[in-house]
Amino acid sequence: MTIIGLQIELERRIFLVIFMDKDMTPKDENLARLTTLISKHALNEGHKLFCSDMIGVLRESHQYKKEPQIYPAGIVIVGQGKKSCYVGDQVFNYGAGDIFVTILPIPVETEVKEANANEPLLAAAVGIDFARLANVLLKIENADPNAFQPIQVNPSSIFSTSAKDKLLDAFIRLLEAFE
């Protein structure tokens, strides 16, 4: 790291110590950092895409009721706000610090639950490249034929859950690469 890079990192840490809530956990700090990065890249309403439509950010400054959409295969992480996705009778709610994953392109209805001009819905997404994924899975299976022993069987191609620290960190590093 260069001297300037060290100085910027030191200034960032001093800022976090002085201005951030003393009760913030490392995950809270990472989520705050992710939200800041998404906000920097998503200056306008809607989607902004990078890298041949495989990486993107989203800003929605208003709530809206159910709207039909086609979700591509990908991983979405929410920095701020709340959204719901409806697939048939199933409802997937996801908000700040959550991920939403679709394994296949799928028709859905979506609804923005929490967003306004001061605190818009902010999210980042990475698309899934099926050819690359298949290649990686074949390499893993060739190296270890027992690698794919499912813990539980879930036939759904869509899910939402709380983001793990490592995934938050990966999205932060990815968005920092575009600064």
Foldseek 3Di string as FASTA:
>chain_A
DDPVVVVVVVVVVVCCVPPPDPPDDVLNVLLVLLQVLLCVVCVDAAWDADDVRFKIKHWDADWDDWDKDWDAFKKKAWSAFKKWKADPPDIAIDGHQKMKGAHHTGIIIMTGDDHHPVTTTMMMMGHDDVVVVVVVVVVVCVVPVPPPDDPDDDPHRIHMDGDDPVVSVVSSVVSVVVD
